[in-house]
Amino acid sequence: MADGPDRIGELLGGLFRKWGLQGELERQSALEQWDEIVGEGIARVTRPQGVARGVLYVEVRSSAWITELNLMRHDLLARLNAGRSEGRIERIVFRLAEEPDDI
């Protein structure tokens, strides 16, 4: 018998692993970490939109920035995946923002 109640995080973590969702949850954390990982300059001109099947989608203010970020793609992927054993981002797709002034 347990000494006390189980923590909800431990219970959910076990369920997510059992259902094969732990990696997907790890991938989603890239959205929250984006600004810190890429730095202030890039964060000002980008907005992460979502992660699906290992692909991170990022809106970008201008096509010039998309070109620049595509050149940095491998470095950004390495930074996003640093220290991750599960839930690695496989690819980043940069898209031109529909409302660039909102970024």
PDB file of N, CA and C in Angstrom:
ATOM      1  N   MET A   1       0.840  -1.190   0.000  1.00  0.00           N
ATOM      2  CA  MET A   1       0.000   0.000   0.000  1.00  0.00           C
ATOM      3  C   MET A   1       0.872   1.236   0.000  1.00  0.00           C
ATOM      4  N   ALA A   2       0.471   2.240  -0.728  1.00  0.00           N
ATOM      5  CA  ALA A   2       1.229   3.483  -0.854  1.00  0.00           C
ATOM      6  C   ALA A   2       1.172   4.278   0.438  1.00  0.00           C
ATOM      7  N   ASP A   3       2.202   5.103   0.640  1.00  0.00           N
ATOM      8  CA  ASP A   3       2.266   5.945   1.834  1.00  0.00           C
ATOM      9  C   ASP A   3       1.309   7.125   1.773  1.00  0.00           C
ATOM     10  N   GLY A   4       0.883   7.507   0.611  1.00  0.00           N
ATOM     11  CA  GLY A   4       0.002   8.649   0.461  1.00  0.00           C
ATOM     12  C   GLY A   4      -0.583   8.654  -0.934  1.00  0.00           C
ATOM     13  N   PRO A   5      -1.335   9.676  -1.242  1.00  0.00           N
ATOM     14  CA  PRO A   5      -1.938   9.734  -2.575  1.00  0.00           C
ATOM     15  C   PRO A   5      -0.879   9.940  -3.663  1.00  0.00           C
ATOM     16  N   ASP A   6      -1.160   9.418  -4.823  1.00  0.00           N
ATOM     17  CA  ASP A   6      -0.270   9.605  -5.968  1.00  0.00           C
ATOM     18  C   ASP A   6      -0.418  11.025  -6.485  1.00  0.00           C
ATOM     19  N   ARG A   7       0.669  11.558  -6.990  1.00  0.00           N
ATOM     20  CA  ARG A   7       0.615  12.887  -7.605  1.00  0.00           C
ATOM     21  C   ARG A   7       0.003  12.752  -8.988  1.00  0.00           C
ATOM     22  N   ILE A   8      -0.834  13.724  -9.329  1.00  0.00           N
ATOM     23  CA  ILE A   8      -1.531  13.671 -10.625  1.00  0.00           C
ATOM     24  C   ILE A   8      -0.546  13.665 -11.785  1.00  0.00           C
ATOM     25  N   GLY A   9       0.559  14.398 -11.661  1.00  0.00           N
ATOM     26  CA  GLY A   9       1.561  14.421 -12.717  1.00  0.00           C
ATOM     27  C   GLY A   9       2.161  13.053 -12.966  1.00  0.00           C
ATOM     28  N   GLU A  10       2.388  12.308 -11.886  1.00  0.00           N
ATOM     29  CA  GLU A  10       2.933  10.952 -12.024  1.00  0.00           C
ATOM     30  C   GLU A  10       1.911  10.033 -12.690  1.00  0.00           C
ATOM     31  N   LEU A  11       0.657  10.168 -12.293  1.00  0.00           N
ATOM     32  CA  LEU A  11      -0.401   9.346 -12.887  1.00  0.00           C
ATOM     33  C   LEU A  11      -0.565   9.664 -14.371  1.00  0.00           C
ATOM     34  N   LEU A  12      -0.622  10.958 -14.691  1.00  0.00           N
ATOM     35  CA  LEU A  12      -0.783  11.342 -16.095  1.00  0.00           C
ATOM     36  C   LEU A  12       0.423  10.934 -16.928  1.00  0.00           C
ATOM     37  N   GLY A  13       1.620  11.113 -16.358  1.00  0.00           N
ATOM     38  CA  GLY A  13       2.828  10.718 -17.073  1.00  0.00           C
ATOM     39  C   GLY A  13       2.800   9.235 -17.419  1.00  0.00           C
ATOM     40  N   GLY A  14       2.352   8.413 -16.480  1.00  0.00           N
ATOM     41  CA  GLY A  14       2.238   6.975 -16.722  1.00  0.00           C
ATOM     42  C   GLY A  14       1.222   6.666 -17.810  1.00  0.00           C
ATOM     43  N   LEU A  15       0.097   7.362 -17.778  1.00  0.00           N
ATOM     44  CA  LEU A  15      -0.923   7.151 -18.808  1.00  0.00           C
ATOM     45  C   LEU A  15      -0.439   7.601 -20.181  1.00  0.00           C
ATOM     46  N   PHE A  16       0.226   8.745 -20.226  1.00  0.00           N
ATOM     47  CA  PHE A  16       0.728   9.244 -21.513  1.00  0.00           C
ATOM     48  C   PHE A  16       1.741   8.276 -22.112  1.00  0.00           C
ATOM     49  N   ARG A  17       2.620   7.725 -21.259  1.00  0.00           N
ATOM     50  CA  ARG A  17       3.584   6.741 -21.759  1.00  0.00           C
ATOM     51  C   ARG A  17       2.863   5.487 -22.240  1.00  0.00           C
ATOM     52  N   LYS A  18       1.887   5.049 -21.470  1.00  0.00           N
ATOM     53  CA  LYS A  18       1.134   3.839 -21.822  1.00  0.00           C
ATOM     54  C   LYS A  18       0.415   4.017 -23.162  1.00  0.00           C
ATOM     55  N   TRP A  19      -0.125   5.194 -23.405  1.00  0.00           N
ATOM     56  CA  TRP A  19      -0.865   5.464 -24.633  1.00  0.00           C
ATOM     57  C   TRP A  19       0.039   5.943 -25.768  1.00  0.00           C
ATOM     58  N   GLY A  20       1.343   6.065 -25.495  1.00  0.00           N
ATOM     59  CA  GLY A  20       2.276   6.498 -26.529  1.00  0.00           C
ATOM     60  C   GLY A  20       2.223   7.984 -26.827  1.00  0.00           C
ATOM     61  N   LEU A  21       1.799   8.779 -25.865  1.00  0.00           N
ATOM     62  CA  LEU A  21       1.652  10.227 -26.074  1.00  0.00           C
ATOM     63  C   LEU A  21       2.758  11.061 -25.451  1.00  0.00           C
ATOM     64  N   GLN A  22       3.663  10.437 -24.720  1.00  0.00           N
ATOM     65  CA  GLN A  22       4.706  11.198 -24.024  1.00  0.00           C
ATOM     66  C   GLN A  22       5.568  11.993 -25.003  1.00  0.00           C
ATOM     67  N   GLY A  23       5.949  11.372 -26.106  1.00  0.00           N
ATOM     68  CA  GLY A  23       6.767  12.067 -27.098  1.00  0.00           C
ATOM     69  C   GLY A  23       6.052  13.275 -27.670  1.00  0.00           C
ATOM     70  N   GLU A  24       4.753  13.130 -27.924  1.00  0.00           N
ATOM     71  CA  GLU A  24       3.986  14.252 -28.479  1.00  0.00           C
ATOM     72  C   GLU A  24       3.899  15.401 -27.475  1.00  0.00           C
ATOM     73  N   LEU A  25       3.747  15.084 -26.210  1.00  0.00           N
ATOM     74  CA  LEU A  25       3.741  16.136 -25.184  1.00  0.00           C
ATOM     75  C   LEU A  25       5.079  16.852 -25.131  1.00  0.00           C
ATOM     76  N   GLU A  26       6.157  16.100 -25.240  1.00  0.00           N
ATOM     77  CA  GLU A  26       7.487  16.705 -25.255  1.00  0.00           C
ATOM     78  C   GLU A  26       7.633  17.637 -26.452  1.00  0.00           C
ATOM     79  N   ARG A  27       7.133  17.219 -27.606  1.00  0.00           N
ATOM     80  CA  ARG A  27       7.212  18.064 -28.803  1.00  0.00           C
ATOM     81  C   ARG A  27       6.459  19.379 -28.603  1.00  0.00           C
ATOM     82  N   GLN A  28       5.312  19.316 -27.953  1.00  0.00           N
ATOM     83  CA  GLN A  28       4.509  20.515 -27.734  1.00  0.00           C
ATOM     84  C   GLN A  28       5.241  21.546 -26.881  1.00  0.00           C
ATOM     85  N   SER A  29       6.145  21.088 -26.034  1.00  0.00           N
ATOM     86  CA  SER A  29       6.876  22.034 -25.187  1.00  0.00           C
ATOM     87  C   SER A  29       7.760  22.961 -26.015  1.00  0.00           C
ATOM     88  N   ALA A  30       8.066  22.591 -27.256  1.00  0.00           N
ATOM     89  CA  ALA A  30       8.857  23.458 -28.139  1.00  0.00           C
ATOM     90  C   ALA A  30       8.152  24.791 -28.364  1.00  0.00           C
ATOM     91  N   LEU A  31       6.823  24.784 -28.341  1.00  0.00           N
ATOM     92  CA  LEU A  31       6.069  26.028 -28.524  1.00  0.00           C
ATOM     93  C   LEU A  31       6.361  27.012 -27.393  1.00  0.00           C
ATOM     94  N   GLU A  32       6.400  26.510 -26.187  1.00  0.00           N
ATOM     95  CA  GLU A  32       6.648  27.360 -25.024  1.00  0.00           C
ATOM     96  C   GLU A  32       8.102  27.802 -24.950  1.00  0.00           C
ATOM     97  N   GLN A  33       9.009  26.978 -25.438  1.00  0.00           N
ATOM     98  CA  GLN A  33      10.438  27.248 -25.322  1.00  0.00           C
ATOM     99  C   GLN A  33      10.999  28.042 -26.504  1.00  0.00           C
ATOM    100  N   TRP A  34      10.218  28.234 -27.548  1.00  0.00           N
ATOM    101  CA  TRP A  34      10.704  28.842 -28.782  1.00  0.00           C
ATOM    102  C   TRP A  34      11.450  30.156 -28.546  1.00  0.00           C
ATOM    103  N   ASP A  35      10.819  31.115 -27.872  1.00  0.00           N
ATOM    104  CA  ASP A  35      11.436  32.432 -27.684  1.00  0.00           C
ATOM    105  C   ASP A  35      12.782  32.329 -26.971  1.00  0.00           C
ATOM    106  N   GLU A  36      12.848  31.513 -25.951  1.00  0.00           N
ATOM    107  CA  GLU A  36      14.092  31.338 -25.196  1.00  0.00           C
ATOM    108  C   GLU A  36      15.170  30.674 -26.063  1.00  0.00           C
ATOM    109  N   ILE A  37      14.786  29.708 -26.854  1.00  0.00           N
ATOM    110  CA  ILE A  37      15.742  28.958 -27.670  1.00  0.00           C
ATOM    111  C   ILE A  37      16.298  29.799 -28.811  1.00  0.00           C
ATOM    112  N   VAL A  38      15.434  30.561 -29.486  1.00  0.00           N
ATOM    113  CA  VAL A  38      15.885  31.298 -30.670  1.00  0.00           C
ATOM    114  C   VAL A  38      16.446  32.670 -30.340  1.00  0.00           C
ATOM    115  N   GLY A  39      16.140  33.193 -29.190  1.00  0.00           N
ATOM    116  CA  GLY A  39      16.633  34.515 -28.808  1.00  0.00           C
ATOM    117  C   GLY A  39      15.664  35.623 -29.196  1.00  0.00           C
ATOM    118  N   GLU A  40      15.897  36.772 -28.622  1.00  0.00           N
ATOM    119  CA  GLU A  40      14.989  37.909 -28.758  1.00  0.00           C
ATOM    120  C   GLU A  40      14.803  38.377 -30.202  1.00  0.00           C
ATOM    121  N   GLY A  41      15.890  38.449 -30.961  1.00  0.00           N
ATOM    122  CA  GLY A  41      15.817  38.950 -32.337  1.00  0.00           C
ATOM    123  C   GLY A  41      14.912  38.105 -33.216  1.00  0.00           C
ATOM    124  N   ILE A  42      15.084  36.811 -33.191  1.00  0.00           N
ATOM    125  CA  ILE A  42      14.256  35.915 -34.003  1.00  0.00           C
ATOM    126  C   ILE A  42      12.843  35.831 -33.435  1.00  0.00           C
ATOM    127  N   ALA A  43      12.733  35.839 -32.123  1.00  0.00           N
ATOM    128  CA  ALA A  43      11.410  35.768 -31.497  1.00  0.00           C
ATOM    129  C   ALA A  43      10.533  36.949 -31.902  1.00  0.00           C
ATOM    130  N   ARG A  44      11.154  38.105 -32.158  1.00  0.00           N
ATOM    131  CA  ARG A  44      10.389  39.295 -32.551  1.00  0.00           C
ATOM    132  C   ARG A  44       9.742  39.154 -33.922  1.00  0.00           C
ATOM    133  N   VAL A  45      10.296  38.300 -34.779  1.00  0.00           N
ATOM    134  CA  VAL A  45       9.792  38.192 -36.154  1.00  0.00           C
ATOM    135  C   VAL A  45       9.153  36.833 -36.445  1.00  0.00           C
ATOM    136  N   THR A  46       8.962  36.023 -35.419  1.00  0.00           N
ATOM    137  CA  THR A  46       8.374  34.686 -35.596  1.00  0.00           C
ATOM    138  C   THR A  46       7.319  34.421 -34.533  1.00  0.00           C
ATOM    139  N   ARG A  47       6.486  33.442 -34.830  1.00  0.00           N
ATOM    140  CA  ARG A  47       5.492  32.982 -33.861  1.00  0.00           C
ATOM    141  C   ARG A  47       5.253  31.497 -34.122  1.00  0.00           C
ATOM    142  N   PRO A  48       5.623  30.627 -33.170  1.00  0.00           N
ATOM    143  CA  PRO A  48       5.360  29.200 -33.364  1.00  0.00           C
ATOM    144  C   PRO A  48       3.851  28.953 -33.330  1.00  0.00           C
ATOM    145  N   GLN A  49       3.368  28.154 -34.265  1.00  0.00           N
ATOM    146  CA  GLN A  49       1.929  27.938 -34.385  1.00  0.00           C
ATOM    147  C   GLN A  49       1.465  26.577 -33.885  1.00  0.00           C
ATOM    148  N   GLY A  50       2.293  25.567 -34.029  1.00  0.00           N
ATOM    149  CA  GLY A  50       1.881  24.254 -33.585  1.00  0.00           C
ATOM    150  C   GLY A  50       2.888  23.195 -33.977  1.00  0.00           C
ATOM    151  N   VAL A  51       2.666  22.013 -33.418  1.00  0.00           N
ATOM    152  CA  VAL A  51       3.503  20.860 -33.719  1.00  0.00           C
ATOM    153  C   VAL A  51       2.571  19.714 -34.091  1.00  0.00           C
ATOM    154  N   ALA A  52       2.877  19.059 -35.200  1.00  0.00           N
ATOM    155  CA  ALA A  52       2.098  17.901 -35.628  1.00  0.00           C
ATOM    156  C   ALA A  52       3.042  16.873 -36.242  1.00  0.00           C
ATOM    157  N   ARG A  53       3.001  15.671 -35.709  1.00  0.00           N
ATOM    158  CA  ARG A  53       3.808  14.553 -36.226  1.00  0.00           C
ATOM    159  C   ARG A  53       5.283  14.908 -36.354  1.00  0.00           C
ATOM    160  N   GLY A  54       5.798  15.596 -35.366  1.00  0.00           N
ATOM    161  CA  GLY A  54       7.217  15.926 -35.340  1.00  0.00           C
ATOM    162  C   GLY A  54       7.610  17.155 -36.128  1.00  0.00           C
ATOM    163  N   VAL A  55       6.641  17.856 -36.704  1.00  0.00           N
ATOM    164  CA  VAL A  55       6.922  19.055 -37.493  1.00  0.00           C
ATOM    165  C   VAL A  55       6.463  20.284 -36.707  1.00  0.00           C
ATOM    166  N   LEU A  56       7.378  21.228 -36.524  1.00  0.00           N
ATOM    167  CA  LEU A  56       7.065  22.495 -35.868  1.00  0.00           C
ATOM    168  C   LEU A  56       6.752  23.521 -36.942  1.00  0.00           C
ATOM    169  N   TYR A  57       5.587  24.139 -36.858  1.00  0.00           N
ATOM    170  CA  TYR A  57       5.163  25.166 -37.815  1.00  0.00           C
ATOM    171  C   TYR A  57       5.348  26.538 -37.172  1.00  0.00           C
ATOM    172  N   VAL A  58       6.028  27.423 -37.903  1.00  0.00           N
ATOM    173  CA  VAL A  58       6.350  28.747 -37.372  1.00  0.00           C
ATOM    174  C   VAL A  58       5.955  29.805 -38.400  1.00  0.00           C
ATOM    175  N   GLU A  59       5.183  30.804 -37.962  1.00  0.00           N
ATOM    176  CA  GLU A  59       4.849  31.941 -38.813  1.00  0.00           C
ATOM    177  C   GLU A  59       5.983  32.950 -38.729  1.00  0.00           C
ATOM    178  N   VAL A  60       6.280  33.571 -39.869  1.00  0.00           N
ATOM    179  CA  VAL A  60       7.399  34.504 -39.962  1.00  0.00           C
ATOM    180  C   VAL A  60       6.906  35.803 -40.595  1.00  0.00           C
ATOM    181  N   ARG A  61       7.451  36.912 -40.135  1.00  0.00           N
ATOM    182  CA  ARG A  61       7.003  38.240 -40.557  1.00  0.00           C
ATOM    183  C   ARG A  61       7.243  38.536 -42.034  1.00  0.00           C
ATOM    184  N   SER A  62       8.350  38.069 -42.621  1.00  0.00           N
ATOM    185  CA  SER A  62       8.650  38.419 -44.012  1.00  0.00           C
ATOM    186  C   SER A  62       9.343  37.261 -44.728  1.00  0.00           C
ATOM    187  N   SER A  63       9.287  37.311 -46.045  1.00  0.00           N
ATOM    188  CA  SER A  63       9.938  36.263 -46.838  1.00  0.00           C
ATOM    189  C   SER A  63      11.461  36.329 -46.684  1.00  0.00           C
ATOM    190  N   ALA A  64      11.995  37.519 -46.470  1.00  0.00           N
ATOM    191  CA  ALA A  64      13.439  37.647 -46.238  1.00  0.00           C
ATOM    192  C   ALA A  64      13.846  36.881 -44.974  1.00  0.00           C
ATOM    193  N   TRP A  65      13.024  36.988 -43.944  1.00  0.00           N
ATOM    194  CA  TRP A  65      13.314  36.251 -42.716  1.00  0.00           C
ATOM    195  C   TRP A  65      13.149  34.747 -42.930  1.00  0.00           C
ATOM    196  N   ILE A  66      12.197  34.346 -43.724  1.00  0.00           N
ATOM    197  CA  ILE A  66      12.038  32.916 -44.013  1.00  0.00           C
ATOM    198  C   ILE A  66      13.312  32.376 -44.647  1.00  0.00           C
ATOM    199  N   THR A  67      13.865  33.112 -45.592  1.00  0.00           N
ATOM    200  CA  THR A  67      15.112  32.691 -46.234  1.00  0.00           C
ATOM    201  C   THR A  67      16.227  32.554 -45.198  1.00  0.00           C
ATOM    202  N   GLU A  68      16.366  33.548 -44.353  1.00  0.00           N
ATOM    203  CA  GLU A  68      17.403  33.528 -43.312  1.00  0.00           C
ATOM    204  C   GLU A  68      17.213  32.354 -42.354  1.00  0.00           C
ATOM    205  N   LEU A  69      15.980  32.143 -41.914  1.00  0.00           N
ATOM    206  CA  LEU A  69      15.705  31.059 -40.971  1.00  0.00           C
ATOM    207  C   LEU A  69      15.907  29.691 -41.604  1.00  0.00           C
ATOM    208  N   ASN A  70      15.614  29.553 -42.868  1.00  0.00           N
ATOM    209  CA  ASN A  70      15.870  28.282 -43.545  1.00  0.00           C
ATOM    210  C   ASN A  70      17.360  27.955 -43.555  1.00  0.00           C
ATOM    211  N   LEU A  71      18.201  28.972 -43.655  1.00  0.00           N
ATOM    212  CA  LEU A  71      19.646  28.757 -43.581  1.00  0.00           C
ATOM    213  C   LEU A  71      20.078  28.321 -42.178  1.00  0.00           C
ATOM    214  N   MET A  72      19.300  28.701 -41.175  1.00  0.00           N
ATOM    215  CA  MET A  72      19.616  28.383 -39.778  1.00  0.00           C
ATOM    216  C   MET A  72      18.891  27.133 -39.280  1.00  0.00           C
ATOM    217  N   ARG A  73      18.117  26.522 -40.138  1.00  0.00           N
ATOM    218  CA  ARG A  73      17.229  25.422 -39.746  1.00  0.00           C
ATOM    219  C   ARG A  73      17.932  24.324 -38.937  1.00  0.00           C
ATOM    220  N   HIS A  74      19.083  23.865 -39.391  1.00  0.00           N
ATOM    221  CA  HIS A  74      19.764  22.757 -38.698  1.00  0.00           C
ATOM    222  C   HIS A  74      20.214  23.163 -37.295  1.00  0.00           C
ATOM    223  N   ASP A  75      20.698  24.381 -37.160  1.00  0.00           N
ATOM    224  CA  ASP A  75      21.102  24.876 -35.848  1.00  0.00           C
ATOM    225  C   ASP A  75      19.891  25.008 -34.922  1.00  0.00           C
ATOM    226  N   LEU A  76      18.800  25.527 -35.449  1.00  0.00           N
ATOM    227  CA  LEU A  76      17.585  25.672 -34.637  1.00  0.00           C
ATOM    228  C   LEU A  76      17.055  24.309 -34.194  1.00  0.00           C
ATOM    229  N   LEU A  77      17.073  23.339 -35.092  1.00  0.00           N
ATOM    230  CA  LEU A  77      16.645  21.981 -34.730  1.00  0.00           C
ATOM    231  C   LEU A  77      17.528  21.397 -33.627  1.00  0.00           C
ATOM    232  N   ALA A  78      18.829  21.601 -33.759  1.00  0.00           N
ATOM    233  CA  ALA A  78      19.752  21.092 -32.743  1.00  0.00           C
ATOM    234  C   ALA A  78      19.463  21.721 -31.387  1.00  0.00           C
ATOM    235  N   ARG A  79      19.202  23.019 -31.379  1.00  0.00           N
ATOM    236  CA  ARG A  79      18.895  23.705 -30.115  1.00  0.00           C
ATOM    237  C   ARG A  79      17.566  23.229 -29.540  1.00  0.00           C
ATOM    238  N   LEU A  80      16.566  23.065 -30.398  1.00  0.00           N
ATOM    239  CA  LEU A  80      15.253  22.590 -29.926  1.00  0.00           C
ATOM    240  C   LEU A  80      15.336  21.188 -29.339  1.00  0.00           C
ATOM    241  N   ASN A  81      16.184  20.348 -29.902  1.00  0.00           N
ATOM    242  CA  ASN A  81      16.255  18.945 -29.489  1.00  0.00           C
ATOM    243  C   ASN A  81      17.324  18.668 -28.446  1.00  0.00           C
ATOM    244  N   ALA A  82      18.093  19.667 -28.072  1.00  0.00           N
ATOM    245  CA  ALA A  82      19.150  19.470 -27.079  1.00  0.00           C
ATOM    246  C   ALA A  82      18.560  18.921 -25.784  1.00  0.00           C
ATOM    247  N   GLY A  83      19.102  17.817 -25.334  1.00  0.00           N
ATOM    248  CA  GLY A  83      18.660  17.210 -24.079  1.00  0.00           C
ATOM    249  C   GLY A  83      17.382  16.404 -24.168  1.00  0.00           C
ATOM    250  N   ARG A  84      16.809  16.275 -25.332  1.00  0.00           N
ATOM    251  CA  ARG A  84      15.565  15.509 -25.481  1.00  0.00           C
ATOM    252  C   ARG A  84      15.883  14.079 -25.929  1.00  0.00           C
ATOM    253  N   SER A  85      15.365  13.132 -25.193  1.00  0.00           N
ATOM    254  CA  SER A  85      15.478  11.747 -25.653  1.00  0.00           C
ATOM    255  C   SER A  85      14.169  11.325 -26.317  1.00  0.00           C
ATOM    256  N   GLU A  86      13.089  11.946 -25.879  1.00  0.00           N
ATOM    257  CA  GLU A  86      11.772  11.690 -26.465  1.00  0.00           C
ATOM    258  C   GLU A  86      11.233  12.984 -27.045  1.00  0.00           C
ATOM    259  N   GLY A  87      10.319  12.868 -27.974  1.00  0.00           N
ATOM    260  CA  GLY A  87       9.616  14.034 -28.477  1.00  0.00           C
ATOM    261  C   GLY A  87      10.476  15.003 -29.250  1.00  0.00           C
ATOM    262  N   ARG A  88      11.374  14.485 -30.044  1.00  0.00           N
ATOM    263  CA  ARG A  88      12.245  15.355 -30.828  1.00  0.00           C
ATOM    264  C   ARG A  88      11.481  15.972 -31.994  1.00  0.00           C
ATOM    265  N   ILE A  89      11.838  17.210 -32.321  1.00  0.00           N
ATOM    266  CA  ILE A  89      11.280  17.882 -33.489  1.00  0.00           C
ATOM    267  C   ILE A  89      12.078  17.403 -34.698  1.00  0.00           C
ATOM    268  N   GLU A  90      11.398  16.878 -35.699  1.00  0.00           N
ATOM    269  CA  GLU A  90      12.065  16.324 -36.874  1.00  0.00           C
ATOM    270  C   GLU A  90      12.319  17.380 -37.951  1.00  0.00           C
ATOM    271  N   ARG A  91      11.429  18.371 -37.997  1.00  0.00           N
ATOM    272  CA  ARG A  91      11.500  19.354 -39.076  1.00  0.00           C
ATOM    273  C   ARG A  91      10.838  20.646 -38.627  1.00  0.00           C
ATOM    274  N   ILE A  92      11.280  21.766 -39.196  1.00  0.00           N
ATOM    275  CA  ILE A  92      10.632  23.060 -38.956  1.00  0.00           C
ATOM    276  C   ILE A  92      10.149  23.576 -40.306  1.00  0.00           C
ATOM    277  N   VAL A  93       8.903  24.024 -40.339  1.00  0.00           N
ATOM    278  CA  VAL A  93       8.335  24.620 -41.546  1.00  0.00           C
ATOM    279  C   VAL A  93       8.037  26.081 -41.234  1.00  0.00           C
ATOM    280  N   PHE A  94       8.666  26.967 -42.000  1.00  0.00           N
ATOM    281  CA  PHE A  94       8.442  28.400 -41.833  1.00  0.00           C
ATOM    282  C   PHE A  94       7.424  28.848 -42.872  1.00  0.00           C
ATOM    283  N   ARG A  95       6.421  29.602 -42.409  1.00  0.00           N
ATOM    284  CA  ARG A  95       5.372  30.117 -43.290  1.00  0.00           C
ATOM    285  C   ARG A  95       5.271  31.625 -43.132  1.00  0.00           C
ATOM    286  N   LEU A  96       4.920  32.280 -44.214  1.00  0.00           N
ATOM    287  CA  LEU A  96       4.699  33.717 -44.156  1.00  0.00           C
ATOM    288  C   LEU A  96       3.420  33.986 -43.359  1.00  0.00           C
ATOM    289  N   ALA A  97       3.511  34.873 -42.390  1.00  0.00           N
ATOM    290  CA  ALA A  97       2.365  35.200 -41.544  1.00  0.00           C
ATOM    291  C   ALA A  97       1.301  35.928 -42.356  1.00  0.00           C
ATOM    292  N   GLU A  98       0.050  35.565 -42.119  1.00  0.00           N
ATOM    293  CA  GLU A  98      -1.056  36.258 -42.782  1.00  0.00           C
ATOM    294  C   GLU A  98      -1.189  37.685 -42.287  1.00  0.00           C
ATOM    295  N   GLU A  99      -0.901  37.895 -41.012  1.00  0.00           N
ATOM    296  CA  GLU A  99      -0.963  39.213 -40.385  1.00  0.00           C
ATOM    297  C   GLU A  99       0.420  39.533 -39.813  1.00  0.00           C
ATOM    298  N   PRO A 100       1.381  39.910 -40.660  1.00  0.00           N
ATOM    299  CA  PRO A 100       2.759  40.094 -40.191  1.00  0.00           C
ATOM    300  C   PRO A 100       2.917  41.152 -39.101  1.00  0.00           C
ATOM    301  N   ASP A 101       2.027  42.115 -39.065  1.00  0.00           N
ATOM    302  CA  ASP A 101       2.135  43.156 -38.037  1.00  0.00           C
ATOM    303  C   ASP A 101       1.753  42.642 -36.652  1.00  0.00           C
ATOM    304  N   ASP A 102       1.083  41.479 -36.586  1.00  0.00           N
ATOM    305  CA  ASP A 102       0.681  40.901 -35.314  1.00  0.00           C
ATOM    306  C   ASP A 102       1.813  40.129 -34.635  1.00  0.00           C
ATOM    307  N   ILE A 103       2.886  39.922 -35.353  1.00  0.00           N
ATOM    308  CA  ILE A 103       4.017  39.185 -34.758  1.00  0.00           C
ATOM    309  C   ILE A 103       4.865  40.155 -33.976  1.00  0.00           C
TER     310      ILE A 103
END
